[in-house]
Structures are given as C-alpha cells and as structure tokens.
C-alpha cells in the first residue's frame, strides 16, 4: 500500500485547519489567506480529479472532499468580497445631524 493517500489526507486536513484558523480573525490578511489556501486546495483537487479520471479510478471520498473544499473556497471568496471596512456608518460628529457617510 502506498503512502500517497495518507499524504493527500494530511494536506487536506492541514488546509482545513489553516482556513479554520483564519475564520477567527477579521482582518483583511486573514480573509485573503483563507481564500488563498482554499483556492490552492481547489486547484490541487482539480489536479487529483484529473489523475483519477486518467486512471479510471474515481474515489467517492476524494470527490466528497473536493466538493467540501469547493464550497469552502466559495465561502472564503464571499468573505473577502464582504469587506467590513466599506459601508454606511454614522460618524460621531455627524450623529446629531442624522447624516450618514460612506467610509
């Protein structure tokens, strides 16, 4: 038995843990890092899918992991797009005037 499946599972687990670690930080760098890790995982999953299709041996667990990682990448990209630093906010000095400003 080859050690390759164990290495692939370990890489997927590390990617999941790293993306989960970025969830607990709200900074731009954490959001970008989470999205980058997830996108690299998607690219690696596409490579593995190609290898599975070339060898005519599809692994249902691998396909399920790829789908989860794809959904995680979409969620990370949506998180990057929802920048909390842009939006309508009420300034302290304008609060008494009932004016909103875009920051």
N, C-alpha and C. Protein backbone atom coordinates (compact mmCIF):
# COMPACT_ATOMS: atom_id res chain seq x y z
N UNK A 1 0.84 -1.18 0.00
CA UNK A 1 0.00 0.00 0.00
C UNK A 1 0.88 1.24 0.00
N UNK A 2 0.49 2.20 -0.77
CA UNK A 2 1.28 3.41 -0.94
C UNK A 2 0.98 4.42 0.17
N UNK A 3 1.95 5.29 0.43
CA UNK A 3 1.77 6.35 1.42
C UNK A 3 1.11 7.58 0.84
N UNK A 4 0.85 7.61 -0.46
CA UNK A 4 0.28 8.79 -1.09
C UNK A 4 -1.09 9.18 -0.56
N UNK A 5 -2.03 8.22 -0.34
CA UNK A 5 -3.33 8.64 0.20
C UNK A 5 -3.21 9.31 1.56
N UNK A 6 -2.29 8.85 2.38
CA UNK A 6 -2.11 9.44 3.70
C UNK A 6 -1.57 10.86 3.57
N UNK A 7 -0.67 11.09 2.63
CA UNK A 7 -0.12 12.42 2.42
C UNK A 7 -1.21 13.37 1.93
N UNK A 8 -2.06 12.91 1.01
CA UNK A 8 -3.14 13.75 0.49
C UNK A 8 -4.13 14.08 1.59
N UNK A 9 -4.48 13.12 2.40
CA UNK A 9 -5.40 13.36 3.52
C UNK A 9 -4.77 14.34 4.51
N UNK A 10 -3.49 14.19 4.78
CA UNK A 10 -2.81 15.11 5.70
C UNK A 10 -2.79 16.53 5.15
N UNK A 11 -2.56 16.68 3.85
CA UNK A 11 -2.58 18.01 3.23
C UNK A 11 -3.97 18.64 3.30
N UNK A 12 -5.00 17.84 3.07
CA UNK A 12 -6.37 18.35 3.17
C UNK A 12 -6.70 18.77 4.60
N UNK A 13 -6.29 17.96 5.55
CA UNK A 13 -6.55 18.29 6.96
C UNK A 13 -5.82 19.57 7.36
N UNK A 14 -4.60 19.72 6.91
CA UNK A 14 -3.84 20.95 7.21
C UNK A 14 -4.52 22.15 6.58
N UNK A 15 -5.00 22.01 5.34
CA UNK A 15 -5.69 23.12 4.67
C UNK A 15 -6.95 23.49 5.43
N UNK A 16 -7.72 22.50 5.88
CA UNK A 16 -8.94 22.78 6.64
C UNK A 16 -8.62 23.51 7.94
N UNK A 17 -7.60 23.06 8.63
CA UNK A 17 -7.22 23.69 9.90
C UNK A 17 -6.74 25.12 9.68
N UNK A 18 -5.96 25.35 8.65
CA UNK A 18 -5.47 26.70 8.36
C UNK A 18 -6.61 27.65 8.00
N UNK A 19 -7.55 27.17 7.17
CA UNK A 19 -8.70 28.02 6.82
C UNK A 19 -9.54 28.28 8.05
N UNK A 20 -9.75 27.27 8.88
CA UNK A 20 -10.49 27.46 10.13
C UNK A 20 -9.80 28.46 11.03
N UNK A 21 -8.48 28.44 11.05
CA UNK A 21 -7.74 29.41 11.86
C UNK A 21 -7.92 30.84 11.38
N UNK A 22 -8.13 31.03 10.07
CA UNK A 22 -8.33 32.39 9.56
C UNK A 22 -9.73 32.90 9.86
N UNK A 23 -10.66 32.00 10.14
CA UNK A 23 -12.03 32.41 10.42
C UNK A 23 -12.12 33.22 11.70
N UNK A 24 -11.25 32.96 12.65
CA UNK A 24 -11.32 33.63 13.94
C UNK A 24 -10.67 35.01 13.93
N UNK A 25 -10.14 35.43 12.80
CA UNK A 25 -9.56 36.77 12.66
C UNK A 25 -10.36 37.53 11.61
N UNK A 26 -10.59 38.81 11.86
CA UNK A 26 -11.45 39.57 10.97
C UNK A 26 -10.66 40.51 10.06
N UNK A 27 -9.37 40.43 10.06
CA UNK A 27 -8.56 41.34 9.25
C UNK A 27 -8.56 40.94 7.78
N UNK A 28 -8.14 41.90 6.96
CA UNK A 28 -8.07 41.65 5.52
C UNK A 28 -7.08 40.55 5.20
N UNK A 29 -5.97 40.53 5.90
CA UNK A 29 -4.95 39.50 5.63
C UNK A 29 -5.47 38.10 5.94
N UNK A 30 -6.22 37.97 7.03
CA UNK A 30 -6.77 36.66 7.39
C UNK A 30 -7.78 36.20 6.36
N UNK A 31 -8.63 37.11 5.89
CA UNK A 31 -9.61 36.74 4.87
C UNK A 31 -8.91 36.36 3.57
N UNK A 32 -7.90 37.12 3.18
CA UNK A 32 -7.17 36.81 1.95
C UNK A 32 -6.40 35.50 2.08
N UNK A 33 -5.82 35.25 3.24
CA UNK A 33 -5.08 34.00 3.45
C UNK A 33 -6.02 32.80 3.39
N UNK A 34 -7.18 32.92 4.01
CA UNK A 34 -8.16 31.83 3.96
C UNK A 34 -8.59 31.54 2.54
N UNK A 35 -8.86 32.60 1.77
CA UNK A 35 -9.26 32.41 0.37
C UNK A 35 -8.14 31.81 -0.45
N UNK A 36 -6.92 32.26 -0.22
CA UNK A 36 -5.77 31.73 -0.98
C UNK A 36 -5.55 30.25 -0.69
N UNK A 37 -5.62 29.88 0.58
CA UNK A 37 -5.44 28.47 0.95
C UNK A 37 -6.54 27.61 0.32
N UNK A 38 -7.78 28.10 0.39
CA UNK A 38 -8.88 27.33 -0.18
C UNK A 38 -8.75 27.21 -1.70
N UNK A 39 -8.32 28.28 -2.36
CA UNK A 39 -8.17 28.22 -3.82
C UNK A 39 -7.03 27.29 -4.23
N UNK A 40 -5.95 27.27 -3.47
CA UNK A 40 -4.87 26.31 -3.75
C UNK A 40 -5.39 24.88 -3.57
N UNK A 41 -6.23 24.69 -2.55
CA UNK A 41 -6.84 23.38 -2.34
C UNK A 41 -7.73 22.97 -3.50
N UNK A 42 -8.48 23.93 -4.04
CA UNK A 42 -9.33 23.64 -5.20
C UNK A 42 -8.47 23.25 -6.40
N UNK A 43 -7.40 23.98 -6.63
CA UNK A 43 -6.52 23.65 -7.75
C UNK A 43 -5.89 22.27 -7.58
N UNK A 44 -5.50 21.93 -6.37
CA UNK A 44 -4.94 20.61 -6.09
C UNK A 44 -6.02 19.54 -6.30
N UNK A 45 -7.26 19.85 -5.91
CA UNK A 45 -8.36 18.92 -6.12
C UNK A 45 -8.64 18.69 -7.59
N UNK A 46 -8.52 19.73 -8.41
CA UNK A 46 -8.70 19.59 -9.85
C UNK A 46 -7.61 18.69 -10.43
N UNK A 47 -6.40 18.88 -9.95
CA UNK A 47 -5.29 18.02 -10.38
C UNK A 47 -5.57 16.56 -10.01
N UNK A 48 -6.00 16.33 -8.78
CA UNK A 48 -6.28 14.95 -8.35
C UNK A 48 -7.45 14.36 -9.11
N UNK A 49 -8.45 15.17 -9.42
CA UNK A 49 -9.58 14.68 -10.22
C UNK A 49 -9.11 14.26 -11.60
N UNK A 50 -8.23 15.05 -12.19
CA UNK A 50 -7.66 14.67 -13.49
C UNK A 50 -6.90 13.37 -13.41
N UNK A 51 -6.15 13.19 -12.33
CA UNK A 51 -5.41 11.94 -12.16
C UNK A 51 -6.36 10.77 -11.98
N UNK A 52 -7.46 10.99 -11.27
CA UNK A 52 -8.43 9.91 -11.09
C UNK A 52 -9.12 9.57 -12.40
N UNK A 53 -9.47 10.58 -13.17
CA UNK A 53 -10.11 10.33 -14.46
C UNK A 53 -9.17 9.63 -15.43
N UNK A 54 -7.89 9.98 -15.38
CA UNK A 54 -6.90 9.35 -16.26
C UNK A 54 -6.70 7.88 -15.93
N UNK A 55 -6.82 7.53 -14.66
CA UNK A 55 -6.62 6.14 -14.25
C UNK A 55 -7.93 5.36 -14.15
N UNK A 56 -9.04 5.99 -14.49
CA UNK A 56 -10.36 5.35 -14.42
C UNK A 56 -10.66 4.78 -13.04
N UNK A 57 -10.25 5.49 -12.00
CA UNK A 57 -10.48 5.04 -10.63
C UNK A 57 -10.95 6.24 -9.81
N UNK A 58 -12.27 6.46 -9.82
CA UNK A 58 -12.81 7.58 -9.06
C UNK A 58 -13.04 7.16 -7.61
N UNK A 59 -12.59 8.01 -6.71
CA UNK A 59 -12.73 7.75 -5.28
C UNK A 59 -13.87 8.61 -4.75
N UNK A 60 -14.93 8.00 -4.22
CA UNK A 60 -16.06 8.79 -3.73
C UNK A 60 -15.69 9.70 -2.56
N UNK A 61 -14.78 9.26 -1.71
CA UNK A 61 -14.35 10.09 -0.58
C UNK A 61 -13.55 11.29 -1.06
N UNK A 62 -12.74 11.07 -2.08
CA UNK A 62 -11.96 12.18 -2.64
C UNK A 62 -12.88 13.20 -3.29
N UNK A 63 -13.88 12.72 -4.01
CA UNK A 63 -14.83 13.62 -4.65
C UNK A 63 -15.62 14.42 -3.61
N UNK A 64 -16.00 13.76 -2.51
CA UNK A 64 -16.73 14.46 -1.45
C UNK A 64 -15.84 15.53 -0.81
N UNK A 65 -14.58 15.20 -0.59
CA UNK A 65 -13.65 16.18 -0.02
C UNK A 65 -13.44 17.35 -0.97
N UNK A 66 -13.38 17.06 -2.27
CA UNK A 66 -13.25 18.14 -3.25
C UNK A 66 -14.46 19.06 -3.24
N UNK A 67 -15.64 18.48 -3.12
CA UNK A 67 -16.85 19.31 -3.07
C UNK A 67 -16.89 20.17 -1.81
N UNK A 68 -16.47 19.62 -0.69
CA UNK A 68 -16.43 20.40 0.55
C UNK A 68 -15.43 21.54 0.41
N UNK A 69 -14.28 21.25 -0.15
CA UNK A 69 -13.27 22.29 -0.34
C UNK A 69 -13.72 23.34 -1.34
N UNK A 70 -14.47 22.92 -2.37
CA UNK A 70 -15.02 23.91 -3.31
C UNK A 70 -16.00 24.84 -2.61
N UNK A 71 -16.87 24.28 -1.78
CA UNK A 71 -17.83 25.11 -1.04
C UNK A 71 -17.11 26.03 -0.06
N UNK A 72 -16.06 25.53 0.55
CA UNK A 72 -15.26 26.34 1.47
C UNK A 72 -14.59 27.49 0.73
N UNK A 73 -14.11 27.23 -0.48
CA UNK A 73 -13.48 28.29 -1.27
C UNK A 73 -14.49 29.36 -1.65
N UNK A 74 -15.70 28.95 -2.02
CA UNK A 74 -16.74 29.93 -2.34
C UNK A 74 -17.06 30.78 -1.11
N UNK A 75 -17.17 30.13 0.05
CA UNK A 75 -17.44 30.88 1.28
C UNK A 75 -16.31 31.85 1.60
N UNK A 76 -15.08 31.43 1.41
CA UNK A 76 -13.94 32.32 1.67
C UNK A 76 -13.92 33.49 0.70
N UNK A 77 -14.25 33.25 -0.56
CA UNK A 77 -14.28 34.34 -1.53
C UNK A 77 -15.41 35.33 -1.22
N UNK A 78 -16.54 34.81 -0.78
CA UNK A 78 -17.62 35.70 -0.36
C UNK A 78 -17.22 36.51 0.86
N UNK A 79 -16.45 35.91 1.74
CA UNK A 79 -15.96 36.62 2.92
C UNK A 79 -15.00 37.73 2.53
N UNK A 80 -14.17 37.48 1.53
CA UNK A 80 -13.26 38.51 1.04
C UNK A 80 -14.05 39.64 0.39
N UNK A 81 -15.08 39.30 -0.35
CA UNK A 81 -15.88 40.32 -1.04
C UNK A 81 -16.66 41.19 -0.06
N UNK A 82 -17.06 40.65 1.08
CA UNK A 82 -17.81 41.41 2.07
C UNK A 82 -16.90 42.16 2.99
N UNK A 83 -16.24 43.18 2.48
CA UNK A 83 -15.26 43.95 3.24
C UNK A 83 -15.95 44.77 4.33
N UNK A 84 -15.65 44.53 5.60
CA UNK A 84 -16.33 45.27 6.67
C UNK A 84 -15.88 46.71 6.78
N UNK A 85 -14.82 47.11 6.08
CA UNK A 85 -14.33 48.47 6.18
C UNK A 85 -15.06 49.41 5.23
N UNK A 86 -15.92 48.87 4.39
CA UNK A 86 -16.68 49.68 3.44
C UNK A 86 -18.15 49.53 3.78
N UNK A 87 -18.85 50.63 3.85
CA UNK A 87 -20.28 50.56 4.13
C UNK A 87 -20.76 51.85 4.75
N UNK A 88 -22.04 51.88 5.06
CA UNK A 88 -22.61 53.05 5.69
C UNK A 88 -22.37 53.00 7.19
N UNK A 89 -21.85 54.08 7.71
CA UNK A 89 -21.60 54.19 9.14
C UNK A 89 -21.99 55.59 9.59
N UNK A 90 -22.31 55.73 10.85
CA UNK A 90 -22.66 57.04 11.40
C UNK A 90 -21.44 57.59 12.12
N UNK A 91 -21.01 58.76 11.72
CA UNK A 91 -19.86 59.39 12.36
C UNK A 91 -20.31 60.01 13.68
N UNK A 92 -19.41 60.07 14.63
CA UNK A 92 -19.74 60.69 15.92
C UNK A 92 -20.13 62.15 15.77
N UNK A 93 -19.36 62.87 14.98
CA UNK A 93 -19.65 64.30 14.87
C UNK A 93 -20.86 64.56 13.99
N UNK A 94 -21.27 63.62 13.15
CA UNK A 94 -22.45 63.80 12.31
C UNK A 94 -23.67 63.08 12.86
N UNK A 95 -23.53 62.38 13.97
CA UNK A 95 -24.64 61.61 14.51
C UNK A 95 -25.80 62.50 14.94
N UNK A 96 -25.47 63.67 15.47
CA UNK A 96 -26.55 64.54 15.92
C UNK A 96 -27.25 65.21 14.74
N UNK A 97 -26.64 65.19 13.57
CA UNK A 97 -27.26 65.78 12.38
C UNK A 97 -28.03 64.73 11.56
N UNK A 98 -28.03 63.47 12.02
CA UNK A 98 -28.69 62.38 11.32
C UNK A 98 -28.17 62.20 9.89
N UNK A 99 -26.90 62.39 9.69
CA UNK A 99 -26.30 62.20 8.37
C UNK A 99 -25.48 60.91 8.36
N UNK A 100 -25.59 60.20 7.30
CA UNK A 100 -24.78 59.02 7.09
C UNK A 100 -23.68 59.36 6.11
N UNK A 101 -22.56 58.75 6.28
CA UNK A 101 -21.50 58.96 5.32
C UNK A 101 -20.89 57.63 4.94
N UNK A 102 -20.33 57.58 3.77
CA UNK A 102 -19.69 56.36 3.29
C UNK A 102 -18.21 56.42 3.61
N UNK A 103 -17.75 55.41 4.29
CA UNK A 103 -16.36 55.37 4.72
C UNK A 103 -15.58 54.42 3.88
